[in-house]
Each structure stands twice: as structure tokens, then as C-alpha cells.
Amino acid sequence: AISFLSSSYVIYYLIFKERKKLQRLHHRLVLAMNFALLPFSFAFVWGNWAIPEGTPHYGAMGTVNTCTAQGFITWVFAMTVPTYYGSLVLQAFLGIIKNFKEEK
């Protein structure tokens, strides 16, 4: 829940409070990463509710379809978020090595 709330705040802050920061690649990557974190976090909040009813898990009250949907969302965004982290690292690395200027 904390991840969902913090990602929501970062999105709100960058879009509505500090929109001019989105001119920089770094902030656009952070924004996109937080958009990817929303469904990923929600899948964890959803948690055991998606597990099919009748399985030996506390709070299981879903169906096979809800379990499949949660697994798909978790898998897709578990791959997306590290990709954005890698993009941030690559952008910072190239900025240091190539001495990139903001004007370029």
C-alpha cells in the first residue's frame, strides 16, 4: 500500500506541481517508472483475494481468472520496473562518461 501511495504522489507531483521538470529525461523516466509501479503495487495489495476460493490460503476468495490476471500483472510489471531502473542508470552513466549537457 505504501508503494502504491508513494507512486501516486510522485505522479501527481510531477504532472501537476512540477510539470517543467518533465523537460528532463531523468524526470520522464522516473514518471514512467512510477506509472509502471502502480499496477505492480496494486497486485500485491490485491494479494490473497485473487487466489481461487477453496485453496488452503488465508483470505482466498478469487477465481482462476483473478489469480491468472494477478500473476500476469505481477510478471509483466516485475520486468518493466527494473527496465526503467536500468534506463536511469544508463542515462546517468552516459551523462557522466560523455559529459552530456542539458542544452543538447
PDB file of N, CA and C in Angstrom:
ATOM      1  N   ALA A   1       0.826  -1.184   0.000  1.00  0.00           N
ATOM      2  CA  ALA A   1       0.000   0.000   0.000  1.00  0.00           C
ATOM      3  C   ALA A   1       0.874   1.252   0.000  1.00  0.00           C
ATOM      4  N   ILE A   2       1.989   1.204   0.700  1.00  0.00           N
ATOM      5  CA  ILE A   2       2.868   2.368   0.763  1.00  0.00           C
ATOM      6  C   ILE A   2       3.464   2.643  -0.617  1.00  0.00           C
ATOM      7  N   SER A   3       3.845   1.605  -1.331  1.00  0.00           N
ATOM      8  CA  SER A   3       4.405   1.774  -2.668  1.00  0.00           C
ATOM      9  C   SER A   3       3.372   2.388  -3.610  1.00  0.00           C
ATOM     10  N   PHE A   4       2.135   1.936  -3.531  1.00  0.00           N
ATOM     11  CA  PHE A   4       1.066   2.468  -4.363  1.00  0.00           C
ATOM     12  C   PHE A   4       0.845   3.950  -4.069  1.00  0.00           C
ATOM     13  N   LEU A   5       0.789   4.301  -2.794  1.00  0.00           N
ATOM     14  CA  LEU A   5       0.567   5.696  -2.407  1.00  0.00           C
ATOM     15  C   LEU A   5       1.738   6.592  -2.795  1.00  0.00           C
ATOM     16  N   SER A   6       2.956   6.111  -2.589  1.00  0.00           N
ATOM     17  CA  SER A   6       4.113   6.941  -2.932  1.00  0.00           C
ATOM     18  C   SER A   6       4.255   7.114  -4.441  1.00  0.00           C
ATOM     19  N   SER A   7       3.958   6.077  -5.208  1.00  0.00           N
ATOM     20  CA  SER A   7       3.993   6.209  -6.668  1.00  0.00           C
ATOM     21  C   SER A   7       2.922   7.179  -7.151  1.00  0.00           C
ATOM     22  N   SER A   8       1.761   7.101  -6.544  1.00  0.00           N
ATOM     23  CA  SER A   8       0.683   8.028  -6.899  1.00  0.00           C
ATOM     24  C   SER A   8       1.090   9.468  -6.612  1.00  0.00           C
ATOM     25  N   TYR A   9       1.753   9.684  -5.481  1.00  0.00           N
ATOM     26  CA  TYR A   9       2.181  11.040  -5.142  1.00  0.00           C
ATOM     27  C   TYR A   9       3.245  11.556  -6.112  1.00  0.00           C
ATOM     28  N   VAL A  10       4.195  10.711  -6.479  1.00  0.00           N
ATOM     29  CA  VAL A  10       5.237  11.137  -7.427  1.00  0.00           C
ATOM     30  C   VAL A  10       4.609  11.511  -8.761  1.00  0.00           C
ATOM     31  N   ILE A  11       3.651  10.719  -9.218  1.00  0.00           N
ATOM     32  CA  ILE A  11       2.958  11.025 -10.474  1.00  0.00           C
ATOM     33  C   ILE A  11       2.224  12.356 -10.353  1.00  0.00           C
ATOM     34  N   TYR A  12       1.485  12.532  -9.264  1.00  0.00           N
ATOM     35  CA  TYR A  12       0.761  13.785  -9.034  1.00  0.00           C
ATOM     36  C   TYR A  12       1.716  14.965  -8.993  1.00  0.00           C
ATOM     37  N   TYR A  13       2.811  14.813  -8.263  1.00  0.00           N
ATOM     38  CA  TYR A  13       3.781  15.900  -8.098  1.00  0.00           C
ATOM     39  C   TYR A  13       4.395  16.300  -9.436  1.00  0.00           C
ATOM     40  N   LEU A  14       4.826  15.316 -10.221  1.00  0.00           N
ATOM     41  CA  LEU A  14       5.482  15.643 -11.492  1.00  0.00           C
ATOM     42  C   LEU A  14       4.516  16.193 -12.536  1.00  0.00           C
ATOM     43  N   ILE A  15       3.293  15.723 -12.536  1.00  0.00           N
ATOM     44  CA  ILE A  15       2.351  16.175 -13.556  1.00  0.00           C
ATOM     45  C   ILE A  15       1.702  17.503 -13.188  1.00  0.00           C
ATOM     46  N   PHE A  16       1.324  17.678 -11.917  1.00  0.00           N
ATOM     47  CA  PHE A  16       0.555  18.857 -11.546  1.00  0.00           C
ATOM     48  C   PHE A  16       1.347  19.938 -10.825  1.00  0.00           C
ATOM     49  N   LYS A  17       2.367  19.572 -10.085  1.00  0.00           N
ATOM     50  CA  LYS A  17       3.114  20.567  -9.307  1.00  0.00           C
ATOM     51  C   LYS A  17       4.382  21.053 -10.009  1.00  0.00           C
ATOM     52  N   GLU A  18       5.116  20.157 -10.607  1.00  0.00           N
ATOM     53  CA  GLU A  18       6.418  20.491 -11.206  1.00  0.00           C
ATOM     54  C   GLU A  18       6.482  20.015 -12.647  1.00  0.00           C
ATOM     55  N   ARG A  19       5.542  20.402 -13.453  1.00  0.00           N
ATOM     56  CA  ARG A  19       5.473  19.934 -14.838  1.00  0.00           C
ATOM     57  C   ARG A  19       6.713  20.326 -15.647  1.00  0.00           C
ATOM     58  N   LYS A  20       7.316  21.454 -15.320  1.00  0.00           N
ATOM     59  CA  LYS A  20       8.501  21.889 -16.069  1.00  0.00           C
ATOM     60  C   LYS A  20       9.676  20.924 -15.912  1.00  0.00           C
ATOM     61  N   LYS A  21       9.683  20.138 -14.830  1.00  0.00           N
ATOM     62  CA  LYS A  21      10.756  19.160 -14.646  1.00  0.00           C
ATOM     63  C   LYS A  21      10.697  18.044 -15.686  1.00  0.00           C
ATOM     64  N   LEU A  22       9.537  17.846 -16.297  1.00  0.00           N
ATOM     65  CA  LEU A  22       9.399  16.779 -17.289  1.00  0.00           C
ATOM     66  C   LEU A  22      10.148  17.081 -18.584  1.00  0.00           C
ATOM     67  N   GLN A  23      10.765  18.232 -18.677  1.00  0.00           N
ATOM     68  CA  GLN A  23      11.607  18.530 -19.836  1.00  0.00           C
ATOM     69  C   GLN A  23      12.904  17.729 -19.791  1.00  0.00           C
ATOM     70  N   ARG A  24      13.269  17.255 -18.618  1.00  0.00           N
ATOM     71  CA  ARG A  24      14.497  16.467 -18.473  1.00  0.00           C
ATOM     72  C   ARG A  24      14.178  14.980 -18.586  1.00  0.00           C
ATOM     73  N   LEU A  25      15.042  14.254 -19.266  1.00  0.00           N
ATOM     74  CA  LEU A  25      14.859  12.822 -19.472  1.00  0.00           C
ATOM     75  C   LEU A  25      14.760  12.066 -18.144  1.00  0.00           C
ATOM     76  N   HIS A  26      15.582  12.454 -17.200  1.00  0.00           N
ATOM     77  CA  HIS A  26      15.602  11.783 -15.899  1.00  0.00           C
ATOM     78  C   HIS A  26      14.209  11.783 -15.266  1.00  0.00           C
ATOM     79  N   HIS A  27      13.556  12.916 -15.250  1.00  0.00           N
ATOM     80  CA  HIS A  27      12.239  13.015 -14.623  1.00  0.00           C
ATOM     81  C   HIS A  27      11.163  12.277 -15.422  1.00  0.00           C
ATOM     82  N   ARG A  28      11.300  12.253 -16.734  1.00  0.00           N
ATOM     83  CA  ARG A  28      10.337  11.495 -17.542  1.00  0.00           C
ATOM     84  C   ARG A  28      10.480   9.999 -17.275  1.00  0.00           C
ATOM     85  N   LEU A  29      11.707   9.520 -17.098  1.00  0.00           N
ATOM     86  CA  LEU A  29      11.915   8.106 -16.766  1.00  0.00           C
ATOM     87  C   LEU A  29      11.353   7.778 -15.383  1.00  0.00           C
ATOM     88  N   VAL A  30      11.547   8.669 -14.439  1.00  0.00           N
ATOM     89  CA  VAL A  30      11.001   8.459 -13.094  1.00  0.00           C
ATOM     90  C   VAL A  30       9.472   8.428 -13.153  1.00  0.00           C
ATOM     91  N   LEU A  31       8.885   9.316 -13.936  1.00  0.00           N
ATOM     92  CA  LEU A  31       7.425   9.333 -14.082  1.00  0.00           C
ATOM     93  C   LEU A  31       6.919   8.025 -14.690  1.00  0.00           C
ATOM     94  N   ALA A  32       7.554   7.577 -15.761  1.00  0.00           N
ATOM     95  CA  ALA A  32       7.135   6.338 -16.417  1.00  0.00           C
ATOM     96  C   ALA A  32       7.308   5.145 -15.478  1.00  0.00           C
ATOM     97  N   MET A  33       8.390   5.128 -14.707  1.00  0.00           N
ATOM     98  CA  MET A  33       8.624   4.037 -13.778  1.00  0.00           C
ATOM     99  C   MET A  33       7.531   4.008 -12.705  1.00  0.00           C
ATOM    100  N   ASN A  34       7.102   5.160 -12.253  1.00  0.00           N
ATOM    101  CA  ASN A  34       6.050   5.195 -11.245  1.00  0.00           C
ATOM    102  C   ASN A  34       4.703   4.794 -11.815  1.00  0.00           C
ATOM    103  N   PHE A  35       4.452   5.093 -13.095  1.00  0.00           N
ATOM    104  CA  PHE A  35       3.242   4.584 -13.732  1.00  0.00           C
ATOM    105  C   PHE A  35       3.276   3.053 -13.786  1.00  0.00           C
ATOM    106  N   ALA A  36       4.453   2.481 -13.997  1.00  0.00           N
ATOM    107  CA  ALA A  36       4.588   1.022 -14.028  1.00  0.00           C
ATOM    108  C   ALA A  36       4.476   0.424 -12.629  1.00  0.00           C
ATOM    109  N   LEU A  37       4.856   1.175 -11.614  1.00  0.00           N
ATOM    110  CA  LEU A  37       4.772   0.669 -10.247  1.00  0.00           C
ATOM    111  C   LEU A  37       3.339   0.601  -9.719  1.00  0.00           C
ATOM    112  N   LEU A  38       2.431   1.401 -10.276  1.00  0.00           N
ATOM    113  CA  LEU A  38       1.053   1.403  -9.781  1.00  0.00           C
ATOM    114  C   LEU A  38       0.377   0.036  -9.900  1.00  0.00           C
ATOM    115  N   PRO A  39       0.299  -0.563 -11.101  1.00  0.00           N
ATOM    116  CA  PRO A  39      -0.350  -1.878 -11.161  1.00  0.00           C
ATOM    117  C   PRO A  39       0.445  -2.963 -10.438  1.00  0.00           C
ATOM    118  N   PHE A  40       1.757  -2.836 -10.414  1.00  0.00           N
ATOM    119  CA  PHE A  40       2.588  -3.805  -9.699  1.00  0.00           C
ATOM    120  C   PHE A  40       2.267  -3.771  -8.207  1.00  0.00           C
ATOM    121  N   SER A  41       2.176  -2.573  -7.640  1.00  0.00           N
ATOM    122  CA  SER A  41       1.838  -2.428  -6.225  1.00  0.00           C
ATOM    123  C   SER A  41       0.420  -2.901  -5.949  1.00  0.00           C
ATOM    124  N   PHE A  42      -0.496  -2.569  -6.850  1.00  0.00           N
ATOM    125  CA  PHE A  42      -1.886  -2.974  -6.669  1.00  0.00           C
ATOM    126  C   PHE A  42      -2.020  -4.492  -6.648  1.00  0.00           C
ATOM    127  N   ALA A  43      -1.232  -5.181  -7.455  1.00  0.00           N
ATOM    128  CA  ALA A  43      -1.287  -6.642  -7.482  1.00  0.00           C
ATOM    129  C   ALA A  43      -0.888  -7.225  -6.125  1.00  0.00           C
ATOM    130  N   PHE A  44       0.032  -6.578  -5.431  1.00  0.00           N
ATOM    131  CA  PHE A  44       0.419  -7.054  -4.109  1.00  0.00           C
ATOM    132  C   PHE A  44      -0.616  -6.689  -3.053  1.00  0.00           C
ATOM    133  N   VAL A  45      -1.276  -5.538  -3.206  1.00  0.00           N
ATOM    134  CA  VAL A  45      -2.350  -5.175  -2.283  1.00  0.00           C
ATOM    135  C   VAL A  45      -3.517  -6.140  -2.465  1.00  0.00           C
ATOM    136  N   TRP A  46      -3.782  -6.488  -3.706  1.00  0.00           N
ATOM    137  CA  TRP A  46      -4.836  -7.436  -4.054  1.00  0.00           C
ATOM    138  C   TRP A  46      -4.564  -8.765  -3.344  1.00  0.00           C
ATOM    139  N   GLY A  47      -3.309  -9.170  -3.351  1.00  0.00           N
ATOM    140  CA  GLY A  47      -2.804 -10.308  -2.593  1.00  0.00           C
ATOM    141  C   GLY A  47      -3.610 -11.584  -2.671  1.00  0.00           C
ATOM    142  N   ASN A  48      -3.945 -12.103  -1.499  1.00  0.00           N
ATOM    143  CA  ASN A  48      -4.618 -13.403  -1.394  1.00  0.00           C
ATOM    144  C   ASN A  48      -6.050 -13.387  -1.916  1.00  0.00           C
ATOM    145  N   TRP A  49      -6.634 -12.223  -2.093  1.00  0.00           N
ATOM    146  CA  TRP A  49      -8.006 -12.158  -2.594  1.00  0.00           C
ATOM    147  C   TRP A  49      -8.123 -12.757  -3.982  1.00  0.00           C
ATOM    148  N   ALA A  50      -7.056 -12.738  -4.738  1.00  0.00           N
ATOM    149  CA  ALA A  50      -7.097 -13.253  -6.109  1.00  0.00           C
ATOM    150  C   ALA A  50      -6.935 -14.770  -6.172  1.00  0.00           C
ATOM    151  N   ILE A  51      -6.449 -15.375  -5.118  1.00  0.00           N
ATOM    152  CA  ILE A  51      -6.238 -16.827  -5.110  1.00  0.00           C
ATOM    153  C   ILE A  51      -7.597 -17.527  -5.128  1.00  0.00           C
ATOM    154  N   PRO A  52      -7.732 -18.581  -5.919  1.00  0.00           N
ATOM    155  CA  PRO A  52      -9.034 -19.261  -6.024  1.00  0.00           C
ATOM    156  C   PRO A  52      -9.572 -19.738  -4.677  1.00  0.00           C
ATOM    157  N   GLU A  53     -10.851 -19.521  -4.492  1.00  0.00           N
ATOM    158  CA  GLU A  53     -11.526 -19.953  -3.274  1.00  0.00           C
ATOM    159  C   GLU A  53     -11.444 -21.475  -3.151  1.00  0.00           C
ATOM    160  N   GLY A  54     -11.192 -21.940  -1.968  1.00  0.00           N
ATOM    161  CA  GLY A  54     -11.084 -23.380  -1.746  1.00  0.00           C
ATOM    162  C   GLY A  54      -9.645 -23.855  -1.653  1.00  0.00           C
ATOM    163  N   THR A  55      -8.689 -23.014  -2.007  1.00  0.00           N
ATOM    164  CA  THR A  55      -7.287 -23.390  -1.848  1.00  0.00           C
ATOM    165  C   THR A  55      -6.876 -23.101  -0.404  1.00  0.00           C
ATOM    166  N   PRO A  56      -5.868 -23.778   0.088  1.00  0.00           N
ATOM    167  CA  PRO A  56      -5.514 -23.617   1.514  1.00  0.00           C
ATOM    168  C   PRO A  56      -4.692 -22.357   1.796  1.00  0.00           C
ATOM    169  N   HIS A  57      -5.225 -21.195   1.435  1.00  0.00           N
ATOM    170  CA  HIS A  57      -4.571 -19.916   1.726  1.00  0.00           C
ATOM    171  C   HIS A  57      -5.557 -19.024   2.462  1.00  0.00           C
ATOM    172  N   TYR A  58      -5.056 -18.319   3.460  1.00  0.00           N
ATOM    173  CA  TYR A  58      -5.912 -17.411   4.218  1.00  0.00           C
ATOM    174  C   TYR A  58      -6.368 -16.262   3.311  1.00  0.00           C
ATOM    175  N   GLY A  59      -7.633 -15.987   3.282  1.00  0.00           N
ATOM    176  CA  GLY A  59      -8.166 -14.874   2.505  1.00  0.00           C
ATOM    177  C   GLY A  59      -8.437 -15.197   1.048  1.00  0.00           C
ATOM    178  N   ALA A  60      -8.274 -16.452   0.649  1.00  0.00           N
ATOM    179  CA  ALA A  60      -8.501 -16.829  -0.743  1.00  0.00           C
ATOM    180  C   ALA A  60      -9.990 -16.739  -1.052  1.00  0.00           C
ATOM    181  N   MET A  61     -10.330 -15.852  -1.994  1.00  0.00           N
ATOM    182  CA  MET A  61     -11.736 -15.724  -2.375  1.00  0.00           C
ATOM    183  C   MET A  61     -11.900 -15.376  -3.845  1.00  0.00           C
ATOM    184  N   GLY A  62     -10.886 -15.625  -4.642  1.00  0.00           N
ATOM    185  CA  GLY A  62     -10.944 -15.303  -6.057  1.00  0.00           C
ATOM    186  C   GLY A  62     -11.329 -16.501  -6.908  1.00  0.00           C
ATOM    187  N   THR A  63     -10.999 -16.384  -8.183  1.00  0.00           N
ATOM    188  CA  THR A  63     -11.227 -17.463  -9.142  1.00  0.00           C
ATOM    189  C   THR A  63      -9.911 -17.738  -9.859  1.00  0.00           C
ATOM    190  N   VAL A  64      -9.935 -18.705 -10.726  1.00  0.00           N
ATOM    191  CA  VAL A  64      -8.739 -18.993 -11.520  1.00  0.00           C
ATOM    192  C   VAL A  64      -8.394 -17.782 -12.387  1.00  0.00           C
ATOM    193  N   ASN A  65      -9.416 -17.101 -12.893  1.00  0.00           N
ATOM    194  CA  ASN A  65      -9.177 -15.929 -13.740  1.00  0.00           C
ATOM    195  C   ASN A  65      -8.540 -14.773 -12.970  1.00  0.00           C
ATOM    196  N   THR A  66      -8.999 -14.517 -11.733  1.00  0.00           N
ATOM    197  CA  THR A  66      -8.397 -13.435 -10.954  1.00  0.00           C
ATOM    198  C   THR A  66      -6.955 -13.775 -10.589  1.00  0.00           C
ATOM    199  N   CYS A  67      -6.698 -15.029 -10.309  1.00  0.00           N
ATOM    200  CA  CYS A  67      -5.337 -15.467  -9.993  1.00  0.00           C
ATOM    201  C   CYS A  67      -4.428 -15.321 -11.211  1.00  0.00           C
ATOM    202  N   THR A  68      -4.945 -15.694 -12.370  1.00  0.00           N
ATOM    203  CA  THR A  68      -4.179 -15.566 -13.614  1.00  0.00           C
ATOM    204  C   THR A  68      -3.899 -14.102 -13.929  1.00  0.00           C
ATOM    205  N   ALA A  69      -4.906 -13.249 -13.744  1.00  0.00           N
ATOM    206  CA  ALA A  69      -4.729 -11.814 -14.011  1.00  0.00           C
ATOM    207  C   ALA A  69      -3.684 -11.223 -13.076  1.00  0.00           C
ATOM    208  N   GLN A  70      -3.751 -11.575 -11.798  1.00  0.00           N
ATOM    209  CA  GLN A  70      -2.767 -11.060 -10.849  1.00  0.00           C
ATOM    210  C   GLN A  70      -1.360 -11.552 -11.197  1.00  0.00           C
ATOM    211  N   GLY A  71      -1.242 -12.812 -11.553  1.00  0.00           N
ATOM    212  CA  GLY A  71       0.064 -13.341 -11.944  1.00  0.00           C
ATOM    213  C   GLY A  71       0.610 -12.661 -13.177  1.00  0.00           C
ATOM    214  N   PHE A  72      -0.254 -12.405 -14.154  1.00  0.00           N
ATOM    215  CA  PHE A  72       0.181 -11.719 -15.373  1.00  0.00           C
ATOM    216  C   PHE A  72       0.634 -10.300 -15.069  1.00  0.00           C
ATOM    217  N   ILE A  73      -0.162  -9.552 -14.296  1.00  0.00           N
ATOM    218  CA  ILE A  73       0.205  -8.172 -13.945  1.00  0.00           C
ATOM    219  C   ILE A  73       1.513  -8.150 -13.175  1.00  0.00           C
ATOM    220  N   THR A  74       1.649  -9.057 -12.218  1.00  0.00           N
ATOM    221  CA  THR A  74       2.875  -9.108 -11.425  1.00  0.00           C
ATOM    222  C   THR A  74       4.079  -9.428 -12.305  1.00  0.00           C
ATOM    223  N   TRP A  75       3.946 -10.387 -13.197  1.00  0.00           N
ATOM    224  CA  TRP A  75       5.074 -10.777 -14.050  1.00  0.00           C
ATOM    225  C   TRP A  75       5.460  -9.661 -15.009  1.00  0.00           C
ATOM    226  N   VAL A  76       4.490  -9.072 -15.688  1.00  0.00           N
ATOM    227  CA  VAL A  76       4.788  -8.029 -16.674  1.00  0.00           C
ATOM    228  C   VAL A  76       5.460  -6.835 -16.015  1.00  0.00           C
ATOM    229  N   PHE A  77       4.899  -6.357 -14.924  1.00  0.00           N
ATOM    230  CA  PHE A  77       5.453  -5.162 -14.299  1.00  0.00           C
ATOM    231  C   PHE A  77       6.680  -5.456 -13.451  1.00  0.00           C
ATOM    232  N   ALA A  78       6.882  -6.716 -13.077  1.00  0.00           N
ATOM    233  CA  ALA A  78       8.137  -7.089 -12.422  1.00  0.00           C
ATOM    234  C   ALA A  78       9.293  -7.020 -13.419  1.00  0.00           C
ATOM    235  N   MET A  79       9.003  -7.114 -14.696  1.00  0.00           N
ATOM    236  CA  MET A  79      10.024  -6.951 -15.737  1.00  0.00           C
ATOM    237  C   MET A  79      10.154  -5.487 -16.164  1.00  0.00           C
ATOM    238  N   THR A  80       9.072  -4.741 -16.100  1.00  0.00           N
ATOM    239  CA  THR A  80       9.062  -3.349 -16.563  1.00  0.00           C
ATOM    240  C   THR A  80       9.816  -2.422 -15.617  1.00  0.00           C
ATOM    241  N   VAL A  81       9.572  -2.552 -14.331  1.00  0.00           N
ATOM    242  CA  VAL A  81      10.185  -1.650 -13.357  1.00  0.00           C
ATOM    243  C   VAL A  81      11.717  -1.736 -13.381  1.00  0.00           C
ATOM    244  N   PRO A  82      12.333  -2.923 -13.357  1.00  0.00           N
ATOM    245  CA  PRO A  82      13.798  -2.965 -13.454  1.00  0.00           C
ATOM    246  C   PRO A  82      14.328  -2.413 -14.775  1.00  0.00           C
ATOM    247  N   THR A  83      13.537  -2.512 -15.829  1.00  0.00           N
ATOM    248  CA  THR A  83      13.955  -1.932 -17.105  1.00  0.00           C
ATOM    249  C   THR A  83      14.069  -0.414 -16.981  1.00  0.00           C
ATOM    250  N   TYR A  84      13.117   0.214 -16.305  1.00  0.00           N
ATOM    251  CA  TYR A  84      13.202   1.659 -16.085  1.00  0.00           C
ATOM    252  C   TYR A  84      14.371   2.015 -15.170  1.00  0.00           C
ATOM    253  N   TYR A  85      14.605   1.207 -14.141  1.00  0.00           N
ATOM    254  CA  TYR A  85      15.776   1.443 -13.289  1.00  0.00           C
ATOM    255  C   TYR A  85      17.056   1.357 -14.118  1.00  0.00           C
ATOM    256  N   GLY A  86      17.138   0.355 -14.971  1.00  0.00           N
ATOM    257  CA  GLY A  86      18.301   0.224 -15.852  1.00  0.00           C
ATOM    258  C   GLY A  86      18.444   1.415 -16.785  1.00  0.00           C
ATOM    259  N   SER A  87      17.345   1.931 -17.274  1.00  0.00           N
ATOM    260  CA  SER A  87      17.379   3.115 -18.144  1.00  0.00           C
ATOM    261  C   SER A  87      17.896   4.331 -17.392  1.00  0.00           C
ATOM    262  N   LEU A  88      17.490   4.473 -16.134  1.00  0.00           N
ATOM    263  CA  LEU A  88      18.002   5.583 -15.323  1.00  0.00           C
ATOM    264  C   LEU A  88      19.502   5.458 -15.100  1.00  0.00           C
ATOM    265  N   VAL A  89      19.948   4.242 -14.829  1.00  0.00           N
ATOM    266  CA  VAL A  89      21.382   4.008 -14.624  1.00  0.00           C
ATOM    267  C   VAL A  89      22.157   4.303 -15.901  1.00  0.00           C
ATOM    268  N   LEU A  90      21.657   3.818 -17.029  1.00  0.00           N
ATOM    269  CA  LEU A  90      22.323   4.050 -18.307  1.00  0.00           C
ATOM    270  C   LEU A  90      22.367   5.537 -18.652  1.00  0.00           C
ATOM    271  N   GLN A  91      21.284   6.234 -18.414  1.00  0.00           N
ATOM    272  CA  GLN A  91      21.238   7.667 -18.688  1.00  0.00           C
ATOM    273  C   GLN A  91      22.251   8.414 -17.819  1.00  0.00           C
ATOM    274  N   ALA A  92      22.342   8.058 -16.545  1.00  0.00           N
ATOM    275  CA  ALA A  92      23.311   8.702 -15.657  1.00  0.00           C
ATOM    276  C   ALA A  92      24.738   8.351 -16.068  1.00  0.00           C
ATOM    277  N   PHE A  93      24.979   7.095 -16.409  1.00  0.00           N
ATOM    278  CA  PHE A  93      26.311   6.660 -16.823  1.00  0.00           C
ATOM    279  C   PHE A  93      26.770   7.405 -18.077  1.00  0.00           C
ATOM    280  N   LEU A  94      25.909   7.449 -19.081  1.00  0.00           N
ATOM    281  CA  LEU A  94      26.275   8.150 -20.315  1.00  0.00           C
ATOM    282  C   LEU A  94      26.446   9.638 -20.081  1.00  0.00           C
ATOM    283  N   GLY A  95      25.639  10.192 -19.191  1.00  0.00           N
ATOM    284  CA  GLY A  95      25.787  11.608 -18.872  1.00  0.00           C
ATOM    285  C   GLY A  95      27.127  11.921 -18.244  1.00  0.00           C
ATOM    286  N   ILE A  96      27.621  11.007 -17.427  1.00  0.00           N
ATOM    287  CA  ILE A  96      28.924  11.221 -16.787  1.00  0.00           C
ATOM    288  C   ILE A  96      30.056  10.965 -17.774  1.00  0.00           C
ATOM    289  N   ILE A  97      29.988   9.860 -18.489  1.00  0.00           N
ATOM    290  CA  ILE A  97      31.067   9.484 -19.406  1.00  0.00           C
ATOM    291  C   ILE A  97      31.187  10.460 -20.585  1.00  0.00           C
ATOM    292  N   LYS A  98      30.058  10.813 -21.168  1.00  0.00           N
ATOM    293  CA  LYS A  98      30.068  11.664 -22.365  1.00  0.00           C
ATOM    294  C   LYS A  98      29.929  13.140 -22.055  1.00  0.00           C
ATOM    295  N   ASN A  99      29.833  13.472 -20.751  1.00  0.00           N
ATOM    296  CA  ASN A  99      29.717  14.852 -20.314  1.00  0.00           C
ATOM    297  C   ASN A  99      28.559  15.565 -21.014  1.00  0.00           C
ATOM    298  N   PHE A 100      27.396  14.916 -20.992  1.00  0.00           N
ATOM    299  CA  PHE A 100      26.213  15.481 -21.629  1.00  0.00           C
ATOM    300  C   PHE A 100      25.798  16.767 -20.933  1.00  0.00           C
ATOM    301  N   LYS A 101      25.366  17.695 -21.718  1.00  0.00           N
ATOM    302  CA  LYS A 101      24.848  18.952 -21.194  1.00  0.00           C
ATOM    303  C   LYS A 101      23.341  18.953 -21.380  1.00  0.00           C
ATOM    304  N   GLU A 102      22.647  19.676 -20.533  1.00  0.00           N
ATOM    305  CA  GLU A 102      21.179  19.750 -20.639  1.00  0.00           C
ATOM    306  C   GLU A 102      20.736  20.413 -21.934  1.00  0.00           C
ATOM    307  N   GLU A 103      21.558  21.278 -22.496  1.00  0.00           N
ATOM    308  CA  GLU A 103      21.185  22.002 -23.701  1.00  0.00           C
ATOM    309  C   GLU A 103      21.118  21.095 -24.905  1.00  0.00           C
ATOM    310  N   LYS A 104      21.847  19.986 -24.888  1.00  0.00           N
ATOM    311  CA  LYS A 104      21.919  19.101 -26.055  1.00  0.00           C
ATOM    312  C   LYS A 104      20.678  18.258 -26.173  1.00  0.00           C
TER     313      LYS A 104
END
